[in-house]
Amino acid sequence: MDEWFQVVAANVWRYLDGVAGADQARAPTLADVRKLSAAWRALLRLHDGGTGGECSRCQRGHAGSCTVWQVAIGYFVRRSP
């Protein structure tokens, strides 16, 4: 993994830890909720089914077999984390 990506990834994980409450000094805000919602929407749009219903990124049989959609369905539809 490139060094720059390690730095960026560490910052993403730090942000997510803060929002999730791992950082007791920082409580999640409405802005955090909006940012996370926008990020998920963007990610799901990238993996949205094409005209044939397949995931446009994963090239799987249909969007339902895309791992991004499986995680989203698991967290937002089926059960709480």
PDB file of N, CA and C in Angstrom:
ATOM      1  N   MET A   1       0.849  -1.173   0.000  1.00  0.00           N
ATOM      2  CA  MET A   1       0.000   0.000   0.000  1.00  0.00           C
ATOM      3  C   MET A   1       0.896   1.238   0.000  1.00  0.00           C
ATOM      4  N   ASP A   2       0.541   2.204  -0.819  1.00  0.00           N
ATOM      5  CA  ASP A   2       1.323   3.432  -0.891  1.00  0.00           C
ATOM      6  C   ASP A   2       1.268   4.187   0.429  1.00  0.00           C
ATOM      7  N   GLU A   3       2.347   4.887   0.714  1.00  0.00           N
ATOM      8  CA  GLU A   3       2.434   5.640   1.971  1.00  0.00           C
ATOM      9  C   GLU A   3       1.340   6.702   2.075  1.00  0.00           C
ATOM     10  N   TRP A   4       1.071   7.407   0.972  1.00  0.00           N
ATOM     11  CA  TRP A   4       0.041   8.449   1.013  1.00  0.00           C
ATOM     12  C   TRP A   4      -1.318   7.854   1.339  1.00  0.00           C
ATOM     13  N   PHE A   5      -1.591   6.665   0.799  1.00  0.00           N
ATOM     14  CA  PHE A   5      -2.883   6.040   1.068  1.00  0.00           C
ATOM     15  C   PHE A   5      -2.983   5.620   2.529  1.00  0.00           C
ATOM     16  N   GLN A   6      -1.896   5.148   3.101  1.00  0.00           N
ATOM     17  CA  GLN A   6      -1.903   4.771   4.514  1.00  0.00           C
ATOM     18  C   GLN A   6      -2.264   5.970   5.384  1.00  0.00           C
ATOM     19  N   VAL A   7      -1.729   7.128   5.048  1.00  0.00           N
ATOM     20  CA  VAL A   7      -2.027   8.348   5.808  1.00  0.00           C
ATOM     21  C   VAL A   7      -3.497   8.724   5.646  1.00  0.00           C
ATOM     22  N   VAL A   8      -3.974   8.707   4.419  1.00  0.00           N
ATOM     23  CA  VAL A   8      -5.373   9.057   4.158  1.00  0.00           C
ATOM     24  C   VAL A   8      -6.305   8.052   4.832  1.00  0.00           C
ATOM     25  N   ALA A   9      -6.009   6.772   4.697  1.00  0.00           N
ATOM     26  CA  ALA A   9      -6.848   5.738   5.306  1.00  0.00           C
ATOM     27  C   ALA A   9      -6.874   5.881   6.827  1.00  0.00           C
ATOM     28  N   ALA A  10      -5.740   6.180   7.425  1.00  0.00           N
ATOM     29  CA  ALA A  10      -5.686   6.372   8.881  1.00  0.00           C
ATOM     30  C   ALA A  10      -6.583   7.536   9.300  1.00  0.00           C
ATOM     31  N   ASN A  11      -6.599   8.592   8.503  1.00  0.00           N
ATOM     32  CA  ASN A  11      -7.464   9.733   8.815  1.00  0.00           C
ATOM     33  C   ASN A  11      -8.939   9.387   8.659  1.00  0.00           C
ATOM     34  N   VAL A  12      -9.263   8.582   7.666  1.00  0.00           N
ATOM     35  CA  VAL A  12     -10.655   8.148   7.497  1.00  0.00           C
ATOM     36  C   VAL A  12     -11.076   7.311   8.698  1.00  0.00           C
ATOM     37  N   TRP A  13     -10.239   6.352   9.098  1.00  0.00           N
ATOM     38  CA  TRP A  13     -10.565   5.521  10.264  1.00  0.00           C
ATOM     39  C   TRP A  13     -10.679   6.373  11.525  1.00  0.00           C
ATOM     40  N   ARG A  14      -9.818   7.361  11.680  1.00  0.00           N
ATOM     41  CA  ARG A  14      -9.868   8.254  12.845  1.00  0.00           C
ATOM     42  C   ARG A  14     -11.199   9.013  12.869  1.00  0.00           C
ATOM     43  N   TYR A  15     -11.606   9.508  11.712  1.00  0.00           N
ATOM     44  CA  TYR A  15     -12.885  10.213  11.628  1.00  0.00           C
ATOM     45  C   TYR A  15     -14.035   9.280  12.012  1.00  0.00           C
ATOM     46  N   LEU A  16     -14.037   8.085  11.443  1.00  0.00           N
ATOM     47  CA  LEU A  16     -15.112   7.136  11.737  1.00  0.00           C
ATOM     48  C   LEU A  16     -15.117   6.738  13.210  1.00  0.00           C
ATOM     49  N   ASP A  17     -13.942   6.567  13.798  1.00  0.00           N
ATOM     50  CA  ASP A  17     -13.867   6.267  15.233  1.00  0.00           C
ATOM     51  C   ASP A  17     -14.469   7.402  16.052  1.00  0.00           C
ATOM     52  N   GLY A  18     -14.197   8.625  15.650  1.00  0.00           N
ATOM     53  CA  GLY A  18     -14.746   9.778  16.362  1.00  0.00           C
ATOM     54  C   GLY A  18     -16.256   9.834  16.265  1.00  0.00           C
ATOM     55  N   VAL A  19     -16.771   9.578  15.088  1.00  0.00           N
ATOM     56  CA  VAL A  19     -18.220   9.608  14.889  1.00  0.00           C
ATOM     57  C   VAL A  19     -18.893   8.460  15.641  1.00  0.00           C
ATOM     58  N   ALA A  20     -18.230   7.321  15.691  1.00  0.00           N
ATOM     59  CA  ALA A  20     -18.804   6.146  16.350  1.00  0.00           C
ATOM     60  C   ALA A  20     -18.716   6.235  17.868  1.00  0.00           C
ATOM     61  N   GLY A  21     -18.042   7.246  18.374  1.00  0.00           N
ATOM     62  CA  GLY A  21     -17.977   7.417  19.815  1.00  0.00           C
ATOM     63  C   GLY A  21     -16.719   6.875  20.454  1.00  0.00           C
ATOM     64  N   ALA A  22     -15.787   6.367  19.662  1.00  0.00           N
ATOM     65  CA  ALA A  22     -14.536   5.875  20.232  1.00  0.00           C
ATOM     66  C   ALA A  22     -13.731   7.034  20.814  1.00  0.00           C
ATOM     67  N   ASP A  23     -13.908   8.204  20.229  1.00  0.00           N
ATOM     68  CA  ASP A  23     -13.253   9.411  20.736  1.00  0.00           C
ATOM     69  C   ASP A  23     -14.249  10.115  21.652  1.00  0.00           C
ATOM     70  N   GLN A  24     -14.095   9.930  22.947  1.00  0.00           N
ATOM     71  CA  GLN A  24     -15.052  10.465  23.916  1.00  0.00           C
ATOM     72  C   GLN A  24     -15.102  11.991  23.923  1.00  0.00           C
ATOM     73  N   ALA A  25     -14.062  12.638  23.437  1.00  0.00           N
ATOM     74  CA  ALA A  25     -14.015  14.097  23.442  1.00  0.00           C
ATOM     75  C   ALA A  25     -14.835  14.705  22.305  1.00  0.00           C
ATOM     76  N   ARG A  26     -15.284  13.872  21.379  1.00  0.00           N
ATOM     77  CA  ARG A  26     -15.988  14.401  20.206  1.00  0.00           C
ATOM     78  C   ARG A  26     -17.276  13.619  19.975  1.00  0.00           C
ATOM     79  N   ALA A  27     -18.393  14.279  20.161  1.00  0.00           N
ATOM     80  CA  ALA A  27     -19.684  13.642  19.910  1.00  0.00           C
ATOM     81  C   ALA A  27     -20.081  13.869  18.452  1.00  0.00           C
ATOM     82  N   PRO A  28     -20.758  12.890  17.846  1.00  0.00           N
ATOM     83  CA  PRO A  28     -21.210  13.071  16.462  1.00  0.00           C
ATOM     84  C   PRO A  28     -22.194  14.238  16.360  1.00  0.00           C
ATOM     85  N   THR A  29     -22.138  14.923  15.256  1.00  0.00           N
ATOM     86  CA  THR A  29     -23.024  16.062  15.020  1.00  0.00           C
ATOM     87  C   THR A  29     -23.944  15.757  13.842  1.00  0.00           C
ATOM     88  N   LEU A  30     -24.906  16.623  13.636  1.00  0.00           N
ATOM     89  CA  LEU A  30     -25.785  16.487  12.476  1.00  0.00           C
ATOM     90  C   LEU A  30     -24.964  16.570  11.186  1.00  0.00           C
ATOM     91  N   ALA A  31     -23.931  17.393  11.194  1.00  0.00           N
ATOM     92  CA  ALA A  31     -23.057  17.496  10.019  1.00  0.00           C
ATOM     93  C   ALA A  31     -22.378  16.154   9.737  1.00  0.00           C
ATOM     94  N   ASP A  32     -21.988  15.432  10.800  1.00  0.00           N
ATOM     95  CA  ASP A  32     -21.388  14.109  10.620  1.00  0.00           C
ATOM     96  C   ASP A  32     -22.388  13.144   9.989  1.00  0.00           C
ATOM     97  N   VAL A  33     -23.614  13.177  10.474  1.00  0.00           N
ATOM     98  CA  VAL A  33     -24.656  12.298   9.936  1.00  0.00           C
ATOM     99  C   VAL A  33     -24.881  12.598   8.459  1.00  0.00           C
ATOM    100  N   ARG A  34     -24.944  13.863   8.136  1.00  0.00           N
ATOM    101  CA  ARG A  34     -25.148  14.251   6.732  1.00  0.00           C
ATOM    102  C   ARG A  34     -23.967  13.826   5.862  1.00  0.00           C
ATOM    103  N   LYS A  35     -22.760  13.994   6.389  1.00  0.00           N
ATOM    104  CA  LYS A  35     -21.562  13.614   5.630  1.00  0.00           C
ATOM    105  C   LYS A  35     -21.534  12.107   5.382  1.00  0.00           C
ATOM    106  N   LEU A  36     -21.832  11.323   6.415  1.00  0.00           N
ATOM    107  CA  LEU A  36     -21.836   9.867   6.262  1.00  0.00           C
ATOM    108  C   LEU A  36     -22.946   9.412   5.319  1.00  0.00           C
ATOM    109  N   SER A  37     -24.096  10.046   5.419  1.00  0.00           N
ATOM    110  CA  SER A  37     -25.196   9.716   4.516  1.00  0.00           C
ATOM    111  C   SER A  37     -24.816  10.031   3.070  1.00  0.00           C
ATOM    112  N   ALA A  38     -24.203  11.177   2.858  1.00  0.00           N
ATOM    113  CA  ALA A  38     -23.775  11.557   1.506  1.00  0.00           C
ATOM    114  C   ALA A  38     -22.712  10.595   0.982  1.00  0.00           C
ATOM    115  N   ALA A  39     -21.803  10.187   1.851  1.00  0.00           N
ATOM    116  CA  ALA A  39     -20.757   9.248   1.433  1.00  0.00           C
ATOM    117  C   ALA A  39     -21.364   7.909   1.025  1.00  0.00           C
ATOM    118  N   TRP A  40     -22.302   7.404   1.826  1.00  0.00           N
ATOM    119  CA  TRP A  40     -22.956   6.136   1.477  1.00  0.00           C
ATOM    120  C   TRP A  40     -23.742   6.263   0.180  1.00  0.00           C
ATOM    121  N   ARG A  41     -24.443   7.369   0.014  1.00  0.00           N
ATOM    122  CA  ARG A  41     -25.208   7.564  -1.225  1.00  0.00           C
ATOM    123  C   ARG A  41     -24.287   7.582  -2.440  1.00  0.00           C
ATOM    124  N   ALA A  42     -23.152   8.268  -2.319  1.00  0.00           N
ATOM    125  CA  ALA A  42     -22.197   8.324  -3.428  1.00  0.00           C
ATOM    126  C   ALA A  42     -21.645   6.933  -3.730  1.00  0.00           C
ATOM    127  N   LEU A  43     -21.294   6.199  -2.694  1.00  0.00           N
ATOM    128  CA  LEU A  43     -20.763   4.847  -2.879  1.00  0.00           C
ATOM    129  C   LEU A  43     -21.799   3.939  -3.528  1.00  0.00           C
ATOM    130  N   LEU A  44     -23.037   4.027  -3.070  1.00  0.00           N
ATOM    131  CA  LEU A  44     -24.091   3.191  -3.650  1.00  0.00           C
ATOM    132  C   LEU A  44     -24.393   3.589  -5.091  1.00  0.00           C
ATOM    133  N   ARG A  45     -24.312   4.887  -5.396  1.00  0.00           N
ATOM    134  CA  ARG A  45     -24.507   5.311  -6.792  1.00  0.00           C
ATOM    135  C   ARG A  45     -23.411   4.744  -7.688  1.00  0.00           C
ATOM    136  N   LEU A  46     -22.184   4.685  -7.176  1.00  0.00           N
ATOM    137  CA  LEU A  46     -21.090   4.102  -7.960  1.00  0.00           C
ATOM    138  C   LEU A  46     -21.341   2.627  -8.252  1.00  0.00           C
ATOM    139  N   HIS A  47     -22.047   1.968  -7.353  1.00  0.00           N
ATOM    140  CA  HIS A  47     -22.315   0.537  -7.493  1.00  0.00           C
ATOM    141  C   HIS A  47     -23.763   0.271  -7.895  1.00  0.00           C
ATOM    142  N   ASP A  48     -24.421   1.289  -8.408  1.00  0.00           N
ATOM    143  CA  ASP A  48     -25.817   1.142  -8.814  1.00  0.00           C
ATOM    144  C   ASP A  48     -25.917   0.216 -10.018  1.00  0.00           C
ATOM    145  N   GLY A  49     -27.026  -0.472 -10.093  1.00  0.00           N
ATOM    146  CA  GLY A  49     -27.235  -1.394 -11.207  1.00  0.00           C
ATOM    147  C   GLY A  49     -27.314  -0.663 -12.535  1.00  0.00           C
ATOM    148  N   GLY A  50     -26.692  -1.228 -13.536  1.00  0.00           N
ATOM    149  CA  GLY A  50     -26.767  -0.657 -14.875  1.00  0.00           C
ATOM    150  C   GLY A  50     -28.105  -0.975 -15.508  1.00  0.00           C
ATOM    151  N   THR A  51     -28.187  -0.819 -16.792  1.00  0.00           N
ATOM    152  CA  THR A  51     -29.450  -1.064 -17.484  1.00  0.00           C
ATOM    153  C   THR A  51     -29.884  -2.518 -17.369  1.00  0.00           C
ATOM    154  N   GLY A  52     -28.913  -3.413 -17.238  1.00  0.00           N
ATOM    155  CA  GLY A  52     -29.235  -4.830 -17.087  1.00  0.00           C
ATOM    156  C   GLY A  52     -29.389  -5.256 -15.639  1.00  0.00           C
ATOM    157  N   GLY A  53     -29.207  -4.308 -14.695  1.00  0.00           N
ATOM    158  CA  GLY A  53     -29.351  -4.615 -13.279  1.00  0.00           C
ATOM    159  C   GLY A  53     -28.067  -5.064 -12.610  1.00  0.00           C
ATOM    160  N   GLU A  54     -26.985  -5.224 -13.383  1.00  0.00           N
ATOM    161  CA  GLU A  54     -25.723  -5.660 -12.791  1.00  0.00           C
ATOM    162  C   GLU A  54     -25.013  -4.477 -12.140  1.00  0.00           C
ATOM    163  N   CYS A  55     -24.165  -4.777 -11.169  1.00  0.00           N
ATOM    164  CA  CYS A  55     -23.384  -3.727 -10.522  1.00  0.00           C
ATOM    165  C   CYS A  55     -22.417  -3.156 -11.551  1.00  0.00           C
ATOM    166  N   SER A  56     -22.423  -1.841 -11.682  1.00  0.00           N
ATOM    167  CA  SER A  56     -21.585  -1.209 -12.697  1.00  0.00           C
ATOM    168  C   SER A  56     -20.101  -1.232 -12.339  1.00  0.00           C
ATOM    169  N   ARG A  57     -19.761  -1.474 -11.080  1.00  0.00           N
ATOM    170  CA  ARG A  57     -18.354  -1.525 -10.659  1.00  0.00           C
ATOM    171  C   ARG A  57     -17.854  -2.955 -10.490  1.00  0.00           C
ATOM    172  N   CYS A  58     -18.646  -3.779  -9.844  1.00  0.00           N
ATOM    173  CA  CYS A  58     -18.203  -5.134  -9.513  1.00  0.00           C
ATOM    174  C   CYS A  58     -18.360  -6.110 -10.676  1.00  0.00           C
ATOM    175  N   GLN A  59     -19.173  -5.729 -11.659  1.00  0.00           N
ATOM    176  CA  GLN A  59     -19.443  -6.589 -12.809  1.00  0.00           C
ATOM    177  C   GLN A  59     -20.023  -7.937 -12.375  1.00  0.00           C
ATOM    178  N   ARG A  60     -20.871  -7.897 -11.378  1.00  0.00           N
ATOM    179  CA  ARG A  60     -21.518  -9.124 -10.905  1.00  0.00           C
ATOM    180  C   ARG A  60     -22.861  -9.274 -11.590  1.00  0.00           C
ATOM    181  N   GLY A  61     -23.473 -10.411 -11.382  1.00  0.00           N
ATOM    182  CA  GLY A  61     -24.730 -10.731 -12.047  1.00  0.00           C
ATOM    183  C   GLY A  61     -25.819  -9.694 -11.865  1.00  0.00           C
ATOM    184  N   HIS A  62     -25.983  -9.182 -10.674  1.00  0.00           N
ATOM    185  CA  HIS A  62     -26.966  -8.127 -10.431  1.00  0.00           C
ATOM    186  C   HIS A  62     -26.529  -7.334  -9.212  1.00  0.00           C
ATOM    187  N   ALA A  63     -27.104  -6.167  -9.029  1.00  0.00           N
ATOM    188  CA  ALA A  63     -26.676  -5.272  -7.949  1.00  0.00           C
ATOM    189  C   ALA A  63     -26.805  -5.934  -6.576  1.00  0.00           C
ATOM    190  N   GLY A  64     -27.737  -6.851  -6.415  1.00  0.00           N
ATOM    191  CA  GLY A  64     -27.919  -7.529  -5.134  1.00  0.00           C
ATOM    192  C   GLY A  64     -26.746  -8.403  -4.737  1.00  0.00           C
ATOM    193  N   SER A  65     -25.911  -8.792  -5.690  1.00  0.00           N
ATOM    194  CA  SER A  65     -24.742  -9.608  -5.359  1.00  0.00           C
ATOM    195  C   SER A  65     -23.489  -8.758  -5.143  1.00  0.00           C
ATOM    196  N   CYS A  66     -23.605  -7.462  -5.317  1.00  0.00           N
ATOM    197  CA  CYS A  66     -22.497  -6.533  -5.086  1.00  0.00           C
ATOM    198  C   CYS A  66     -22.225  -6.462  -3.583  1.00  0.00           C
ATOM    199  N   THR A  67     -20.971  -6.586  -3.192  1.00  0.00           N
ATOM    200  CA  THR A  67     -20.646  -6.589  -1.762  1.00  0.00           C
ATOM    201  C   THR A  67     -20.963  -5.251  -1.096  1.00  0.00           C
ATOM    202  N   VAL A  68     -20.855  -4.153  -1.829  1.00  0.00           N
ATOM    203  CA  VAL A  68     -21.197  -2.848  -1.259  1.00  0.00           C
ATOM    204  C   VAL A  68     -22.686  -2.811  -0.925  1.00  0.00           C
ATOM    205  N   TRP A  69     -23.507  -3.276  -1.840  1.00  0.00           N
ATOM    206  CA  TRP A  69     -24.945  -3.310  -1.582  1.00  0.00           C
ATOM    207  C   TRP A  69     -25.282  -4.309  -0.483  1.00  0.00           C
ATOM    208  N   GLN A  70     -24.577  -5.425  -0.417  1.00  0.00           N
ATOM    209  CA  GLN A  70     -24.832  -6.404   0.643  1.00  0.00           C
ATOM    210  C   GLN A  70     -24.560  -5.803   2.018  1.00  0.00           C
ATOM    211  N   VAL A  71     -23.475  -5.051   2.146  1.00  0.00           N
ATOM    212  CA  VAL A  71     -23.168  -4.398   3.426  1.00  0.00           C
ATOM    213  C   VAL A  71     -24.234  -3.355   3.749  1.00  0.00           C
ATOM    214  N   ALA A  72     -24.610  -2.547   2.769  1.00  0.00           N
ATOM    215  CA  ALA A  72     -25.630  -1.520   3.000  1.00  0.00           C
ATOM    216  C   ALA A  72     -26.950  -2.150   3.438  1.00  0.00           C
ATOM    217  N   ILE A  73     -27.360  -3.192   2.770  1.00  0.00           N
ATOM    218  CA  ILE A  73     -28.606  -3.874   3.127  1.00  0.00           C
ATOM    219  C   ILE A  73     -28.490  -4.472   4.524  1.00  0.00           C
ATOM    220  N   GLY A  74     -27.350  -5.073   4.824  1.00  0.00           N
ATOM    221  CA  GLY A  74     -27.140  -5.666   6.143  1.00  0.00           C
ATOM    222  C   GLY A  74     -27.212  -4.653   7.270  1.00  0.00           C
ATOM    223  N   TYR A  75     -26.642  -3.488   7.071  1.00  0.00           N
ATOM    224  CA  TYR A  75     -26.618  -2.471   8.128  1.00  0.00           C
ATOM    225  C   TYR A  75     -27.874  -1.617   8.178  1.00  0.00           C
ATOM    226  N   PHE A  76     -28.444  -1.303   7.026  1.00  0.00           N
ATOM    227  CA  PHE A  76     -29.537  -0.336   6.995  1.00  0.00           C
ATOM    228  C   PHE A  76     -30.921  -0.953   6.868  1.00  0.00           C
ATOM    229  N   VAL A  77     -31.009  -2.199   6.437  1.00  0.00           N
ATOM    230  CA  VAL A  77     -32.322  -2.797   6.203  1.00  0.00           C
ATOM    231  C   VAL A  77     -32.573  -3.989   7.121  1.00  0.00           C
ATOM    232  N   ARG A  78     -31.654  -4.929   7.153  1.00  0.00           N
ATOM    233  CA  ARG A  78     -31.894  -6.188   7.861  1.00  0.00           C
ATOM    234  C   ARG A  78     -31.733  -6.106   9.367  1.00  0.00           C
ATOM    235  N   ARG A  79     -30.640  -5.486   9.826  1.00  0.00           N
ATOM    236  CA  ARG A  79     -30.356  -5.504  11.260  1.00  0.00           C
ATOM    237  C   ARG A  79     -29.500  -4.305  11.642  1.00  0.00           C
ATOM    238  N   SER A  80     -29.464  -4.030  12.912  1.00  0.00           N
ATOM    239  CA  SER A  80     -28.569  -2.989  13.416  1.00  0.00           C
ATOM    240  C   SER A  80     -27.190  -3.596  13.611  1.00  0.00           C
ATOM    241  N   PRO A  81     -26.142  -2.777  13.453  1.00  0.00           N
ATOM    242  CA  PRO A  81     -24.778  -3.302  13.633  1.00  0.00           C
ATOM    243  C   PRO A  81     -24.503  -3.709  15.069  1.00  0.00           C
TER     244      PRO A  81
END
